PDB file of N, CA and C in Angstrom:
ATOM      1  N   MET A   1     211.929 246.432 124.354  1.00  0.00           N
ATOM      2  CA  MET A   1     213.061 245.614 124.612  1.00  0.00           C
ATOM      3  C   MET A   1     213.598 244.619 123.980  1.00  0.00           C
ATOM      4  N   ASP A   2     215.059 244.144 123.624  1.00  0.00           N
ATOM      5  CA  ASP A   2     215.819 243.703 122.810  1.00  0.00           C
ATOM      6  C   ASP A   2     215.276 242.363 123.017  1.00  0.00           C
ATOM      7  N   GLN A   3     215.960 241.696 122.146  1.00  0.00           N
ATOM      8  CA  GLN A   3     215.591 239.978 122.055  1.00  0.00           C
ATOM      9  C   GLN A   3     216.093 239.053 122.712  1.00  0.00           C
ATOM     10  N   GLU A   4     217.348 240.022 123.886  1.00  0.00           N
ATOM     11  CA  GLU A   4     218.371 238.470 124.369  1.00  0.00           C
ATOM     12  C   GLU A   4     217.301 239.069 126.058  1.00  0.00           C
ATOM     13  N   ASN A   5     216.824 239.889 126.155  1.00  0.00           N
ATOM     14  CA  ASN A   5     216.193 240.181 127.666  1.00  0.00           C
ATOM     15  C   ASN A   5     214.715 238.810 127.606  1.00  0.00           C
ATOM     16  N   LYS A   6     214.497 239.235 126.553  1.00  0.00           N
ATOM     17  CA  LYS A   6     213.084 238.282 126.292  1.00  0.00           C
ATOM     18  C   LYS A   6     213.305 236.686 126.590  1.00  0.00           C
ATOM     19  N   ASN A   7     214.431 236.196 126.092  1.00  0.00           N
ATOM     20  CA  ASN A   7     214.685 234.500 126.201  1.00  0.00           C
ATOM     21  C   ASN A   7     215.188 234.259 127.845  1.00  0.00           C
ATOM     22  N   PRO A   8     214.186 233.629 128.801  1.00  0.00           N
ATOM     23  CA  PRO A   8     215.220 233.233 129.636  1.00  0.00           C
ATOM     24  C   PRO A   8     215.646 232.941 130.357  1.00  0.00           C
ATOM     25  N   LEU A   9     216.371 232.287 129.039  1.00  0.00           N
ATOM     26  CA  LEU A   9     217.172 231.081 129.048  1.00  0.00           C
ATOM     27  C   LEU A   9     218.534 231.563 128.880  1.00  0.00           C
ATOM     28  N   LYS A  10     218.905 232.586 128.413  1.00  0.00           N
ATOM     29  CA  LYS A  10     220.028 233.619 127.877  1.00  0.00           C
ATOM     30  C   LYS A  10     220.299 234.463 128.760  1.00  0.00           C
ATOM     31  N   MET A  11     219.609 234.876 130.263  1.00  0.00           N
ATOM     32  CA  MET A  11     219.403 236.078 131.113  1.00  0.00           C
ATOM     33  C   MET A  11     220.458 235.456 132.241  1.00  0.00           C
ATOM     34  N   LYS A  12     221.075 236.226 132.255  1.00  0.00           N
ATOM     35  CA  LYS A  12     222.208 236.055 133.352  1.00  0.00           C
ATOM     36  C   LYS A  12     221.693 236.149 134.703  1.00  0.00           C
ATOM     37  N   LEU A  13     222.123 235.109 135.196  1.00  0.00           N
ATOM     38  CA  LEU A  13     222.143 234.332 136.914  1.00  0.00           C
ATOM     39  C   LEU A  13     222.691 235.798 137.447  1.00  0.00           C
ATOM     40  N   PRO A  14     222.057 236.450 138.792  1.00  0.00           N
ATOM     41  CA  PRO A  14     223.381 237.702 139.733  1.00  0.00           C
ATOM     42  C   PRO A  14     224.071 236.564 140.715  1.00  0.00           C
ATOM     43  N   LYS A  15     225.300 237.079 140.323  1.00  0.00           N
ATOM     44  CA  LYS A  15     226.201 236.240 141.227  1.00  0.00           C
ATOM     45  C   LYS A  15     226.652 237.232 142.275  1.00  0.00           C
ATOM     46  N   GLY A  16     227.054 236.554 143.264  1.00  0.00           N
ATOM     47  CA  GLY A  16     227.847 237.124 144.272  1.00  0.00           C
ATOM     48  C   GLY A  16     226.976 238.186 145.748  1.00  0.00           C
ATOM     49  N   ASN A  17     225.808 237.400 146.131  1.00  0.00           N
ATOM     50  CA  ASN A  17     224.569 237.943 146.490  1.00  0.00           C
ATOM     51  C   ASN A  17     224.395 237.107 147.718  1.00  0.00           C
ATOM     52  N   PRO A  18     223.939 237.841 148.499  1.00  0.00           N
ATOM     53  CA  PRO A  18     223.944 237.191 150.241  1.00  0.00           C
ATOM     54  C   PRO A  18     223.006 235.554 149.882  1.00  0.00           C
ATOM     55  N   THR A  19     222.310 235.146 149.065  1.00  0.00           N
ATOM     56  CA  THR A  19     221.318 234.610 148.032  1.00  0.00           C
ATOM     57  C   THR A  19     222.176 233.342 148.066  1.00  0.00           C
ATOM     58  N   HIS A  20     222.902 233.818 147.383  1.00  0.00           N
ATOM     59  CA  HIS A  20     223.778 232.471 146.535  1.00  0.00           C
ATOM     60  C   HIS A  20     225.266 232.096 147.652  1.00  0.00           C
ATOM     61  N   ALA A  21     225.162 233.118 148.214  1.00  0.00           N
ATOM     62  CA  ALA A  21     226.760 232.524 149.538  1.00  0.00           C
ATOM     63  C   ALA A  21     225.793 231.674 150.869  1.00  0.00           C
ATOM     64  N   THR A  22     224.190 232.214 151.004  1.00  0.00           N
ATOM     65  CA  THR A  22     223.640 230.792 151.735  1.00  0.00           C
ATOM     66  C   THR A  22     223.337 229.499 150.977  1.00  0.00           C
ATOM     67  N   LEU A  23     223.040 229.422 149.426  1.00  0.00           N
ATOM     68  CA  LEU A  23     222.822 228.263 149.434  1.00  0.00           C
ATOM     69  C   LEU A  23     223.919 227.381 148.903  1.00  0.00           C
ATOM     70  N   MET A  24     224.913 228.150 148.868  1.00  0.00           N
ATOM     71  CA  MET A  24     226.485 227.122 148.865  1.00  0.00           C
ATOM     72  C   MET A  24     226.646 226.834 149.685  1.00  0.00           C
ATOM     73  N   ALA A  25     226.728 227.674 151.419  1.00  0.00           N
ATOM     74  CA  ALA A  25     226.690 227.159 153.105  1.00  0.00           C
ATOM     75  C   ALA A  25     225.694 225.581 152.866  1.00  0.00           C
ATOM     76  N   LEU A  26     224.726 225.723 152.624  1.00  0.00           N
ATOM     77  CA  LEU A  26     223.478 225.126 152.461  1.00  0.00           C
ATOM     78  C   LEU A  26     224.103 223.735 152.017  1.00  0.00           C
ATOM     79  N   VAL A  27     224.160 223.752 150.421  1.00  0.00           N
ATOM     80  CA  VAL A  27     224.732 222.750 149.745  1.00  0.00           C
ATOM     81  C   VAL A  27     226.087 222.091 150.658  1.00  0.00           C
ATOM     82  N   GLY A  28     226.837 222.602 150.794  1.00  0.00           N
ATOM     83  CA  GLY A  28     227.988 221.837 152.151  1.00  0.00           C
ATOM     84  C   GLY A  28     228.018 221.233 152.378  1.00  0.00           C
ATOM     85  N   ALA A  29     227.031 221.641 153.944  1.00  0.00           N
ATOM     86  CA  ALA A  29     226.341 221.500 154.859  1.00  0.00           C
ATOM     87  C   ALA A  29     225.720 220.363 154.643  1.00  0.00           C
ATOM     88  N   TYR A  30     225.113 220.207 153.421  1.00  0.00           N
ATOM     89  CA  TYR A  30     224.158 218.708 153.019  1.00  0.00           C
ATOM     90  C   TYR A  30     225.342 217.919 152.781  1.00  0.00           C
ATOM     91  N   LEU A  31     226.195 218.025 152.431  1.00  0.00           N
ATOM     92  CA  LEU A  31     227.669 217.014 151.430  1.00  0.00           C
ATOM     93  C   LEU A  31     228.172 216.902 152.964  1.00  0.00           C
ATOM     94  N   ILE A  32     228.090 217.156 153.681  1.00  0.00           N
ATOM     95  CA  ILE A  32     229.068 216.723 155.379  1.00  0.00           C
ATOM     96  C   ILE A  32     227.955 216.321 155.702  1.00  0.00           C
ATOM     97  N   TYR A  33     226.609 216.210 155.712  1.00  0.00           N
ATOM     98  CA  TYR A  33     225.756 215.753 156.758  1.00  0.00           C
ATOM     99  C   TYR A  33     225.820 214.496 156.282  1.00  0.00           C
ATOM    100  N   MET A  34     225.955 213.953 154.621  1.00  0.00           N
ATOM    101  CA  MET A  34     225.591 212.454 153.879  1.00  0.00           C
ATOM    102  C   MET A  34     227.038 211.497 153.944  1.00  0.00           C
ATOM    103  N   ALA A  35     227.737 212.736 154.229  1.00  0.00           N
ATOM    104  CA  ALA A  35     229.605 211.707 154.794  1.00  0.00           C
ATOM    105  C   ALA A  35     228.879 211.156 156.081  1.00  0.00           C
ATOM    106  N   TYR A  36     228.296 212.030 156.983  1.00  0.00           N
ATOM    107  CA  TYR A  36     228.146 211.478 158.097  1.00  0.00           C
ATOM    108  C   TYR A  36     227.105 210.343 158.173  1.00  0.00           C
ATOM    109  N   GLN A  37     226.229 210.468 157.670  1.00  0.00           N
ATOM    110  CA  GLN A  37     225.183 209.294 157.195  1.00  0.00           C
ATOM    111  C   GLN A  37     225.796 208.219 156.824  1.00  0.00           C
ATOM    112  N   MET A  38     226.457 208.290 155.723  1.00  0.00           N
ATOM    113  CA  MET A  38     226.905 207.185 155.153  1.00  0.00           C
ATOM    114  C   MET A  38     228.018 206.333 155.685  1.00  0.00           C
ATOM    115  N   LEU A  39     229.040 207.537 156.759  1.00  0.00           N
ATOM    116  CA  LEU A  39     229.855 206.691 158.002  1.00  0.00           C
ATOM    117  C   LEU A  39     228.900 205.643 159.294  1.00  0.00           C
ATOM    118  N   ARG A  40     228.104 206.577 159.168  1.00  0.00           N
ATOM    119  CA  ARG A  40     227.278 206.127 160.637  1.00  0.00           C
ATOM    120  C   ARG A  40     226.784 204.642 160.038  1.00  0.00           C
ATOM    121  N   ASN A  41     225.765 204.496 158.815  1.00  0.00           N
ATOM    122  CA  ASN A  41     225.078 203.167 158.012  1.00  0.00           C
ATOM    123  C   ASN A  41     225.742 202.133 158.127  1.00  0.00           C
ATOM    124  N   THR A  42     227.679 202.474 158.014  1.00  0.00           N
ATOM    125  CA  THR A  42     228.390 201.231 157.846  1.00  0.00           C
ATOM    126  C   THR A  42     228.963 201.194 159.129  1.00  0.00           C
ATOM    127  N   LEU A  43     229.105 201.688 159.832  1.00  0.00           N
ATOM    128  CA  LEU A  43     229.500 201.456 161.463  1.00  0.00           C
ATOM    129  C   LEU A  43     228.472 200.695 162.232  1.00  0.00           C
ATOM    130  N   ASN A  44     226.906 201.123 161.584  1.00  0.00           N
ATOM    131  CA  ASN A  44     225.777 200.331 162.453  1.00  0.00           C
ATOM    132  C   ASN A  44     225.556 198.681 161.230  1.00  0.00           C
ATOM    133  N   GLY A  45     226.051 198.632 160.127  1.00  0.00           N
ATOM    134  CA  GLY A  45     225.770 197.353 160.101  1.00  0.00           C
ATOM    135  C   GLY A  45     225.173 197.762 158.638  1.00  0.00           C
ATOM    136  N   ASN A  46     224.561 198.861 158.650  1.00  0.00           N
ATOM    137  CA  ASN A  46     223.803 198.823 157.344  1.00  0.00           C
ATOM    138  C   ASN A  46     223.833 199.138 155.683  1.00  0.00           C
ATOM    139  N   SER A  47     224.883 199.047 155.666  1.00  0.00           N
ATOM    140  CA  SER A  47     225.615 199.187 154.372  1.00  0.00           C
ATOM    141  C   SER A  47     226.422 197.945 154.016  1.00  0.00           C
ATOM    142  N   THR A  48     226.315 198.145 152.584  1.00  0.00           N
ATOM    143  CA  THR A  48     227.649 197.035 151.865  1.00  0.00           C
ATOM    144  C   THR A  48     228.837 197.373 152.134  1.00  0.00           C
ATOM    145  N   MET A  49     229.030 198.740 152.316  1.00  0.00           N
ATOM    146  CA  MET A  49     230.278 199.010 151.741  1.00  0.00           C
ATOM    147  C   MET A  49     231.341 198.793 152.809  1.00  0.00           C
ATOM    148  N   SER A  50     232.528 198.904 152.484  1.00  0.00           N
ATOM    149  CA  SER A  50     233.657 198.701 153.295  1.00  0.00           C
ATOM    150  C   SER A  50     234.119 199.595 154.079  1.00  0.00           C
ATOM    151  N   LEU A  51     234.791 199.527 155.353  1.00  0.00           N
ATOM    152  CA  LEU A  51     234.490 200.761 156.034  1.00  0.00           C
ATOM    153  C   LEU A  51     235.782 201.262 155.626  1.00  0.00           C
ATOM    154  N   THR A  52     236.798 201.094 154.597  1.00  0.00           N
ATOM    155  CA  THR A  52     238.037 201.691 154.282  1.00  0.00           C
ATOM    156  C   THR A  52     237.145 202.296 153.353  1.00  0.00           C
ATOM    157  N   VAL A  53     236.365 201.857 152.303  1.00  0.00           N
ATOM    158  CA  VAL A  53     235.743 202.399 150.845  1.00  0.00           C
ATOM    159  C   VAL A  53     235.099 203.992 151.684  1.00  0.00           C
ATOM    160  N   THR A  54     234.330 203.360 152.564  1.00  0.00           N
ATOM    161  CA  THR A  54     233.554 204.437 153.201  1.00  0.00           C
ATOM    162  C   THR A  54     234.123 205.639 153.991  1.00  0.00           C
ATOM    163  N   CYS A  55     235.324 205.387 154.446  1.00  0.00           N
ATOM    164  CA  CYS A  55     235.704 206.988 154.952  1.00  0.00           C
ATOM    165  C   CYS A  55     236.917 207.470 154.346  1.00  0.00           C
ATOM    166  N   ILE A  56     237.238 207.035 152.945  1.00  0.00           N
ATOM    167  CA  ILE A  56     237.776 207.482 151.665  1.00  0.00           C
ATOM    168  C   ILE A  56     236.572 207.944 151.391  1.00  0.00           C
ATOM    169  N   VAL A  57     235.545 208.123 150.924  1.00  0.00           N
ATOM    170  CA  VAL A  57     234.526 208.620 149.981  1.00  0.00           C
ATOM    171  C   VAL A  57     233.861 209.166 150.878  1.00  0.00           C
ATOM    172  N   GLY A  58     233.258 208.910 151.994  1.00  0.00           N
ATOM    173  CA  GLY A  58     232.924 210.485 153.586  1.00  0.00           C
ATOM    174  C   GLY A  58     233.783 211.377 153.283  1.00  0.00           C
ATOM    175  N   GLY A  59     235.414 210.848 153.565  1.00  0.00           N
ATOM    176  CA  GLY A  59     236.765 212.099 153.641  1.00  0.00           C
ATOM    177  C   GLY A  59     236.107 213.321 152.758  1.00  0.00           C
ATOM    178  N   LEU A  60     235.814 212.306 151.404  1.00  0.00           N
ATOM    179  CA  LEU A  60     236.220 213.904 150.265  1.00  0.00           C
ATOM    180  C   LEU A  60     234.930 214.367 150.057  1.00  0.00           C
ATOM    181  N   MET A  61     233.469 213.888 150.619  1.00  0.00           N
ATOM    182  CA  MET A  61     232.576 214.317 150.284  1.00  0.00           C
ATOM    183  C   MET A  61     232.852 215.548 152.128  1.00  0.00           C
ATOM    184  N   ALA A  62     233.052 215.487 152.750  1.00  0.00           N
ATOM    185  CA  ALA A  62     233.612 216.158 153.275  1.00  0.00           C
ATOM    186  C   ALA A  62     234.456 216.869 153.380  1.00  0.00           C
ATOM    187  N   LEU A  63     235.497 217.149 152.809  1.00  0.00           N
ATOM    188  CA  LEU A  63     236.494 218.277 151.953  1.00  0.00           C
ATOM    189  C   LEU A  63     236.078 218.640 150.693  1.00  0.00           C
ATOM    190  N   ILE A  64     234.809 218.148 150.040  1.00  0.00           N
ATOM    191  CA  ILE A  64     234.459 219.080 149.537  1.00  0.00           C
ATOM    192  C   ILE A  64     233.140 219.736 149.731  1.00  0.00           C
ATOM    193  N   GLY A  65     232.801 219.320 150.916  1.00  0.00           N
ATOM    194  CA  GLY A  65     231.939 220.145 151.381  1.00  0.00           C
ATOM    195  C   GLY A  65     232.194 221.262 152.273  1.00  0.00           C
ATOM    196  N   LEU A  66     233.240 220.845 152.930  1.00  0.00           N
ATOM    197  CA  LEU A  66     233.846 222.443 153.541  1.00  0.00           C
ATOM    198  C   LEU A  66     234.381 223.193 152.735  1.00  0.00           C
ATOM    199  N   GLY A  67     235.259 222.648 151.204  1.00  0.00           N
ATOM    200  CA  GLY A  67     235.484 223.609 150.368  1.00  0.00           C
ATOM    201  C   GLY A  67     234.137 224.693 149.503  1.00  0.00           C
ATOM    202  N   VAL A  68     232.815 223.878 149.643  1.00  0.00           N
ATOM    203  CA  VAL A  68     231.892 224.304 149.097  1.00  0.00           C
ATOM    204  C   VAL A  68     231.196 225.775 150.501  1.00  0.00           C
ATOM    205  N   ILE A  69     231.804 225.638 151.807  1.00  0.00           N
ATOM    206  CA  ILE A  69     231.020 226.426 152.352  1.00  0.00           C
ATOM    207  C   ILE A  69     232.344 227.452 152.675  1.00  0.00           C
ATOM    208  N   GLY A  70     233.549 227.412 152.101  1.00  0.00           N
ATOM    209  CA  GLY A  70     234.690 228.204 152.112  1.00  0.00           C
ATOM    210  C   GLY A  70     234.348 229.184 150.828  1.00  0.00           C
ATOM    211  N   TYR A  71     233.731 228.381 149.781  1.00  0.00           N
ATOM    212  CA  TYR A  71     233.349 229.323 148.786  1.00  0.00           C
ATOM    213  C   TYR A  71     231.939 230.495 149.185  1.00  0.00           C
ATOM    214  N   GLY A  72     231.538 229.579 149.615  1.00  0.00           N
ATOM    215  CA  GLY A  72     229.850 230.230 149.980  1.00  0.00           C
ATOM    216  C   GLY A  72     230.703 231.696 150.997  1.00  0.00           C
ATOM    217  N   ILE A  73     231.253 231.464 151.290  1.00  0.00           N
ATOM    218  CA  ILE A  73     232.147 232.498 152.717  1.00  0.00           C
ATOM    219  C   ILE A  73     232.279 233.700 152.248  1.00  0.00           C
ATOM    220  N   ALA A  74     233.513 232.943 150.827  1.00  0.00           N
ATOM    221  CA  ALA A  74     234.285 234.109 149.881  1.00  0.00           C
ATOM    222  C   ALA A  74     233.210 235.006 149.603  1.00  0.00           C
ATOM    223  N   ILE A  75     231.863 234.032 148.963  1.00  0.00           N
ATOM    224  CA  ILE A  75     231.533 234.856 148.173  1.00  0.00           C
ATOM    225  C   ILE A  75     230.830 236.553 148.991  1.00  0.00           C
ATOM    226  N   TYR A  76     230.313 235.585 150.479  1.00  0.00           N
ATOM    227  CA  TYR A  76     229.640 236.656 151.655  1.00  0.00           C
ATOM    228  C   TYR A  76     230.852 238.004 151.579  1.00  0.00           C
ATOM    229  N   VAL A  77     231.818 237.367 151.709  1.00  0.00           N
ATOM    230  CA  VAL A  77     232.816 238.494 151.921  1.00  0.00           C
ATOM    231  C   VAL A  77     232.756 239.459 151.013  1.00  0.00           C
ATOM    232  N   SER A  78     232.806 238.956 149.827  1.00  0.00           N
ATOM    233  CA  SER A  78     233.045 239.764 148.594  1.00  0.00           C
ATOM    234  C   SER A  78     231.980 240.791 148.584  1.00  0.00           C
ATOM    235  N   TYR A  79     230.874 240.412 148.957  1.00  0.00           N
ATOM    236  CA  TYR A  79     229.416 241.071 148.810  1.00  0.00           C
ATOM    237  C   TYR A  79     229.847 242.001 149.574  1.00  0.00           C
ATOM    238  N   ARG A  80     229.954 241.778 150.826  1.00  0.00           N
ATOM    239  CA  ARG A  80     230.097 242.931 151.900  1.00  0.00           C
ATOM    240  C   ARG A  80     231.093 243.798 151.748  1.00  0.00           C
ATOM    241  N   LYS A  81     232.314 243.224 151.044  1.00  0.00           N
ATOM    242  CA  LYS A  81     233.133 244.401 150.986  1.00  0.00           C
ATOM    243  C   LYS A  81     233.033 245.181 149.888  1.00  0.00           C
ATOM    244  N   ARG A  82     231.986 245.229 148.528  1.00  0.00           N
ATOM    245  CA  ARG A  82     231.506 245.480 147.532  1.00  0.00           C
ATOM    246  C   ARG A  82     230.001 246.430 148.001  1.00  0.00           C
ATOM    247  N   MET A  83     229.735 245.871 148.811  1.00  0.00           N
ATOM    248  CA  MET A  83     228.392 247.260 149.704  1.00  0.00           C
ATOM    249  C   MET A  83     229.260 248.144 150.256  1.00  0.00           C
ATOM    250  N   LYS A  84     230.671 247.872 150.813  1.00  0.00           N
ATOM    251  CA  LYS A  84     231.121 249.099 151.604  1.00  0.00           C
ATOM    252  C   LYS A  84     231.576 249.805 150.953  1.00  0.00           C
ATOM    253  N   GLU A  85     231.852 249.795 149.718  1.00  0.00           N
ATOM    254  CA  GLU A  85     232.673 250.562 149.108  1.00  0.00           C
ATOM    255  C   GLU A  85     231.362 251.226 148.159  1.00  0.00           C
ATOM    256  N   LYS A  86     230.621 250.756 148.225  1.00  0.00           N
ATOM    257  CA  LYS A  86     229.357 251.661 147.427  1.00  0.00           C
ATOM    258  C   LYS A  86     228.475 252.353 148.194  1.00  0.00           C
ATOM    259  N   THR A  87     229.020 252.408 149.180  1.00  0.00           N
ATOM    260  CA  THR A  87     227.886 253.179 150.416  1.00  0.00           C
ATOM    261  C   THR A  87     229.555 254.435 150.700  1.00  0.00           C
ATOM    262  N   SER A  88     230.568 254.137 150.690  1.00  0.00           N
ATOM    263  CA  SER A  88     231.678 254.979 151.233  1.00  0.00           C
ATOM    264  C   SER A  88     231.826 255.988 149.813  1.00  0.00           C
ATOM    265  N   ASP A  89     231.619 255.626 148.652  1.00  0.00           N
ATOM    266  CA  ASP A  89     231.713 256.493 147.708  1.00  0.00           C
ATOM    267  C   ASP A  89     230.557 257.039 147.834  1.00  0.00           C
ATOM    268  N   GLU A  90     229.168 256.716 147.364  1.00  0.00           N
ATOM    269  CA  GLU A  90     227.957 257.675 147.923  1.00  0.00           C
ATOM    270  C   GLU A  90     227.916 258.829 149.109  1.00  0.00           C
ATOM    271  N   GLU A  91     228.260 258.654 150.042  1.00  0.00           N
ATOM    272  CA  GLU A  91     228.814 259.655 151.244  1.00  0.00           C
ATOM    273  C   GLU A  91     229.851 260.195 150.360  1.00  0.00           C
ATOM    274  N   ILE A  92     230.879 260.374 149.756  1.00  0.00           N
ATOM    275  CA  ILE A  92     231.865 261.653 148.823  1.00  0.00           C
ATOM    276  C   ILE A  92     231.105 262.545 148.278  1.00  0.00           C
TER     277      ILE A  92
END
């Protein structure tokens, strides 16, 4: 074993697998949920933020959440494409 594999902090994490894509989708969904909760609390009067600030911040959070979900979908699509190419190469 070489020295690089012994240090867990220097190991490269696997990227582009379904677990990574699922985690990204969950993070995006949680951002959208937090934006919804923030808007709901402001409308119910449980927040000290003004409605304008809440709409701006909540809208940005929701857009970022959608972007993160889109990135997770892109990771999953690229993974599926790689697996399809890998299986077609093995069949030949």
